[in-house]
Amino acid sequence: MGNNPSSSPKAHIETAKKSGVCQLCKLKLTELPAELRILKDNLRNLDVSQNKLQALPPWINELTQLRGLVLSDNTIGSLPEVGALKKLDSLVADNNSISALPTSFASLHNLKTLVLSRNALRDFPLQLCQLRQLDVVDLSGNRITQLPPQIGGVQAVELNLNQNQVSSLPESLAECPRLKVLRLEENCLHISAFSPRIMKDSQISLFAVEGNVFDMKAFHNVEGYDRYMERFTATKKKFN
């Protein structure tokens, strides 16, 4: 039996010349096809999930029209410099081996959605503190042990840190201007991590904190819990 031509990268790339959308999923790719470079003026969405990619080529930076990039389910260990992808608003790279972000990541000023769950991050990426359009950040299932004081600059509305190794929370969390949902399930937090300032002064209206080193009854008794519940209730009414 011959190969199905519609499953070849070249066929998908030809289609993408007109559509601006290229899906190269489940093709057992070990590297990005160089032919993608001919799409640099019109490629808006690229999905290369469920392949065998270990790295991305430096020329990914040439695809300056990209708005969506999906890299899920590969074995990518690091990202190249991507600062030229100024239009990128969604990056989904869950289930890889990424341990850090490049410095130029801080230049992705239109990025709204970032999914880096189930990777190998040990430190919270400071580059995220400079991205003003962020809405949703998913860093669950990594190895992050602490959050930096600079986290007060994060603009995300939802931050998912479930299944990490976070043991304390910086007071600067109270400074996050848009943070409404903070997910911290299955970490290493003690009840003392939830300071009165975080509970009273933050914008957070949903703490997901089950599976840490305290009983949920203790969380209900921390100082400022009543203020937190006021925000929780107000948000719930808003969407009901």
Protein backbone atom coordinates (compact mmCIF):
# COMPACT_ATOMS: atom_id res chain seq x y z
CA MET A 1 0.00 0.00 0.00
CA GLY A 2 1.31 3.43 -0.85
CA ASN A 3 1.43 6.39 1.47
CA ASN A 4 -1.60 8.62 1.58
CA PRO A 5 -0.42 11.87 -0.06
CA SER A 6 -2.79 13.92 2.08
CA SER A 7 -0.81 12.85 5.17
CA SER A 8 2.49 14.25 3.89
CA PRO A 9 3.80 17.57 5.25
CA LYS A 10 4.09 18.99 1.73
CA ALA A 11 0.38 18.49 1.06
CA HIS A 12 -0.54 20.31 4.28
CA ILE A 13 1.87 23.12 3.49
CA GLU A 14 0.35 23.54 0.03
CA THR A 15 -3.10 23.85 1.58
CA ALA A 16 -1.78 26.37 4.10
CA LYS A 17 -0.66 28.70 1.32
CA LYS A 18 -4.33 29.61 0.86
CA SER A 19 -5.78 29.08 4.32
CA GLY A 20 -2.99 30.44 6.52
CA VAL A 21 -3.55 27.41 8.77
CA CYS A 22 -1.17 24.44 8.82
CA GLN A 23 -1.77 21.24 10.78
CA LEU A 24 1.11 18.79 10.91
CA CYS A 25 -0.11 16.58 13.77
CA LYS A 26 0.77 12.91 14.27
CA LEU A 27 3.21 12.75 11.36
CA LYS A 28 6.16 11.40 13.37
CA LEU A 29 8.14 14.53 12.54
CA THR A 30 11.57 14.82 14.15
CA GLU A 31 12.08 18.37 12.83
CA LEU A 32 9.99 21.13 11.33
CA PRO A 33 9.89 20.99 7.52
CA ALA A 34 11.98 23.81 6.08
CA GLU A 35 9.25 24.32 3.47
CA LEU A 36 7.25 26.12 6.15
CA ARG A 37 9.50 29.13 5.60
CA ILE A 38 7.73 29.90 2.31
CA LEU A 39 4.62 30.63 4.41
CA LYS A 40 6.25 33.36 6.45
CA ASP A 41 4.01 36.11 5.03
CA ASN A 42 0.63 34.42 5.61
CA LEU A 43 0.89 31.57 8.15
CA ARG A 44 -1.37 32.46 11.08
CA ASN A 45 -1.79 29.13 12.86
CA LEU A 46 0.61 26.20 13.11
CA ASP A 47 -0.14 22.94 14.93
CA VAL A 48 2.69 20.39 15.18
CA SER A 49 1.37 18.48 18.18
CA GLN A 50 1.92 14.76 18.77
CA ASN A 51 5.16 14.43 16.86
CA LYS A 52 8.72 13.63 17.90
CA LEU A 53 10.20 17.12 17.86
CA GLN A 54 13.10 17.68 20.25
CA ALA A 55 13.73 21.30 19.23
CA LEU A 56 12.47 24.10 17.02
CA PRO A 57 14.73 25.67 14.39
CA PRO A 58 15.90 29.29 14.78
CA TRP A 59 14.02 30.19 11.59
CA ILE A 60 10.71 29.81 13.46
CA ASN A 61 11.32 33.50 14.18
CA GLU A 62 10.70 34.23 10.50
CA LEU A 63 7.02 33.25 10.78
CA THR A 64 6.10 36.74 11.91
CA GLN A 65 2.37 36.44 11.08
CA LEU A 66 1.82 33.58 13.52
CA ARG A 67 -1.03 34.09 15.97
CA GLY A 68 -1.41 30.53 17.25
CA LEU A 69 1.30 27.91 17.81
CA VAL A 70 0.58 24.43 19.19
CA LEU A 71 3.53 22.25 20.20
CA SER A 72 1.79 19.78 22.53
CA ASP A 73 3.01 16.23 23.06
CA ASN A 74 6.54 16.40 21.73
CA THR A 75 9.89 16.15 23.54
CA ILE A 76 11.02 19.76 23.11
CA GLY A 77 13.62 20.69 25.72
CA SER A 78 13.88 24.42 25.05
CA LEU A 79 12.47 27.13 22.82
CA PRO A 80 14.64 29.21 20.47
CA GLU A 81 14.55 33.00 20.52
CA VAL A 82 11.02 33.93 19.49
CA GLY A 83 10.96 37.68 20.02
CA ALA A 84 10.02 38.42 16.40
CA LEU A 85 6.66 36.65 16.75
CA LYS A 86 4.98 39.89 17.76
CA LYS A 87 1.49 38.81 16.70
CA LEU A 88 1.47 35.54 18.64
CA ASP A 89 -1.50 35.46 21.01
CA SER A 90 -1.65 31.75 21.90
CA LEU A 91 1.15 29.30 22.64
CA VAL A 92 0.23 25.78 23.72
CA ALA A 93 3.22 23.58 24.53
CA ASP A 94 2.01 21.14 27.16
CA ASN A 95 3.61 17.75 27.69
CA ASN A 96 7.16 18.56 26.58
CA SER A 97 10.47 18.87 28.45
CA ILE A 98 10.86 22.67 28.50
CA SER A 99 12.95 23.79 31.48
CA ALA A 100 13.17 27.54 30.82
CA LEU A 101 11.99 30.25 28.45
CA PRO A 102 14.28 32.32 26.22
CA THR A 103 14.96 35.93 27.17
CA SER A 104 13.14 37.19 24.09
CA PHE A 105 9.90 35.60 25.32
CA ALA A 106 9.31 38.89 27.15
CA SER A 107 8.82 40.53 23.72
CA LEU A 108 5.64 38.58 22.92
CA HIS A 109 3.48 41.54 23.87
CA ASN A 110 0.27 40.21 22.30
CA LEU A 111 0.38 36.83 24.05
CA LYS A 112 -2.92 36.09 25.82
CA THR A 113 -2.87 32.33 26.39
CA LEU A 114 0.15 30.33 27.51
CA VAL A 115 -0.01 26.61 28.28
CA LEU A 116 3.20 25.02 29.58
CA SER A 117 1.69 22.29 31.73
CA ARG A 118 3.61 19.03 32.22
CA ASN A 119 7.03 20.35 31.37
CA ALA A 120 10.27 20.61 33.39
CA LEU A 121 10.13 24.18 34.73
CA ARG A 122 11.82 24.61 38.11
CA ASP A 123 11.53 28.40 38.27
CA PHE A 124 8.60 30.68 37.56
CA PRO A 125 9.45 32.39 34.22
CA LEU A 126 10.14 36.05 35.00
CA GLN A 127 9.47 36.94 31.36
CA LEU A 128 5.75 36.56 32.10
CA CYS A 129 5.88 39.59 34.37
CA GLN A 130 6.45 41.78 31.30
CA LEU A 131 3.54 40.54 29.17
CA ARG A 132 0.63 42.95 29.55
CA GLN A 133 -2.00 41.07 27.53
CA LEU A 134 -1.83 37.73 29.33
CA ASP A 135 -5.19 36.25 30.29
CA VAL A 136 -4.59 32.57 31.06
CA VAL A 137 -1.31 30.96 32.15
CA ASP A 138 -1.13 27.21 32.81
CA LEU A 139 2.09 26.03 34.48
CA SER A 140 0.57 22.99 36.17
CA GLY A 141 2.48 19.75 36.45
CA ASN A 142 5.96 21.29 36.59
CA ARG A 143 8.60 21.42 39.35
CA ILE A 144 8.30 25.03 40.45
CA THR A 145 9.27 25.42 44.12
CA GLN A 146 8.70 29.13 44.73
CA LEU A 147 7.15 32.23 43.24
CA PRO A 148 9.31 35.34 42.78
CA PRO A 149 8.56 38.73 44.38
CA GLN A 150 8.19 40.10 40.83
CA ILE A 151 5.01 38.05 40.38
CA GLY A 152 3.07 41.16 41.40
CA GLY A 153 3.61 42.36 37.82
CA VAL A 154 1.80 39.40 36.24
CA GLN A 155 -1.28 40.56 34.32
CA ALA A 156 -2.98 37.17 33.96
CA VAL A 157 -6.60 36.71 35.00
CA GLU A 158 -6.06 32.99 35.71
CA LEU A 159 -2.83 31.35 36.88
CA ASN A 160 -2.69 27.57 37.18
CA LEU A 161 0.12 26.20 39.35
CA ASN A 162 -1.50 22.91 40.30
CA GLN A 163 0.82 19.95 40.90
CA ASN A 164 4.04 21.85 41.50
CA GLN A 165 6.19 22.07 44.64
CA VAL A 166 5.38 25.60 45.81
CA SER A 167 5.83 25.92 49.58
CA SER A 168 5.28 29.66 50.17
CA LEU A 169 3.55 32.65 48.59
CA PRO A 170 5.09 36.13 48.21
CA GLU A 171 3.10 39.06 49.58
CA SER A 172 3.36 40.66 46.15
CA LEU A 173 0.59 38.33 44.92
CA ALA A 174 -1.72 40.97 46.38
CA GLU A 175 -0.40 43.40 43.74
CA CYS A 176 -1.45 41.37 40.67
CA PRO A 177 -3.91 43.82 39.08
CA ARG A 178 -6.13 41.32 37.21
CA LEU A 179 -5.58 37.98 38.93
CA LYS A 180 -8.97 36.45 39.72
CA VAL A 181 -8.26 32.71 39.72
CA LEU A 182 -5.23 31.14 41.38
CA ARG A 183 -4.92 27.36 41.24
CA LEU A 184 -2.48 25.83 43.73
CA GLU A 185 -3.83 22.34 44.25
CA GLU A 186 -1.38 19.58 45.18
CA ASN A 187 1.59 21.73 46.17
CA CYS A 188 3.55 21.92 49.45
CA LEU A 189 1.83 24.93 51.00
CA HIS A 190 1.36 25.39 54.74
CA ILE A 191 -1.56 27.47 55.98
CA SER A 192 0.86 30.25 56.96
CA ALA A 193 1.42 30.93 53.23
CA PHE A 194 -1.95 32.70 53.08
CA SER A 195 -1.10 36.01 54.69
CA PRO A 196 -3.73 38.60 55.69
CA ARG A 197 -2.51 40.86 52.89
CA ILE A 198 -3.00 38.19 50.23
CA MET A 199 -6.43 37.26 51.58
CA LYS A 200 -7.65 40.84 52.09
CA ASP A 201 -5.98 42.99 49.46
CA SER A 202 -5.60 40.79 46.40
CA GLN A 203 -8.08 40.65 43.51
CA ILE A 204 -8.25 36.85 43.75
CA SER A 205 -11.85 35.61 43.91
CA LEU A 206 -11.10 31.89 43.55
CA PHE A 207 -8.36 30.05 45.43
CA ALA A 208 -8.15 26.37 44.43
CA VAL A 209 -5.90 25.03 47.21
CA GLU A 210 -6.92 21.46 48.03
CA GLY A 211 -4.21 18.82 48.39
CA ASN A 212 -1.67 20.92 50.32
CA VAL A 213 -0.18 20.52 53.82
CA PHE A 214 -3.22 21.80 55.69
CA ASP A 215 -6.84 20.95 56.33
CA MET A 216 -9.38 23.00 54.39
CA LYS A 217 -11.02 23.93 57.71
CA ALA A 218 -7.82 25.78 58.59
CA PHE A 219 -8.08 27.73 55.32
CA HIS A 220 -11.59 28.82 56.26
CA ASN A 221 -10.20 30.25 59.49
CA VAL A 222 -7.27 32.30 58.15
CA GLU A 223 -7.34 36.03 58.72
CA GLY A 224 -9.00 37.76 55.78
CA TYR A 225 -11.02 34.73 54.65
CA ASP A 226 -14.23 36.76 55.01
CA ARG A 227 -12.89 39.42 52.62
CA TYR A 228 -11.93 36.71 50.17
CA MET A 229 -15.43 35.23 50.37
CA GLU A 230 -16.92 38.64 49.61
CA ARG A 231 -14.98 38.69 46.35
CA PHE A 232 -15.88 35.05 45.64
CA THR A 233 -19.59 35.69 46.18
CA ALA A 234 -19.58 38.91 44.14
CA THR A 235 -17.93 37.12 41.22
CA LYS A 236 -20.34 34.21 41.44
CA LYS A 237 -23.35 36.57 41.34
CA LYS A 238 -21.87 38.38 38.37
CA PHE A 239 -21.85 35.20 36.27
CA ASN A 240 -25.15 33.75 37.48
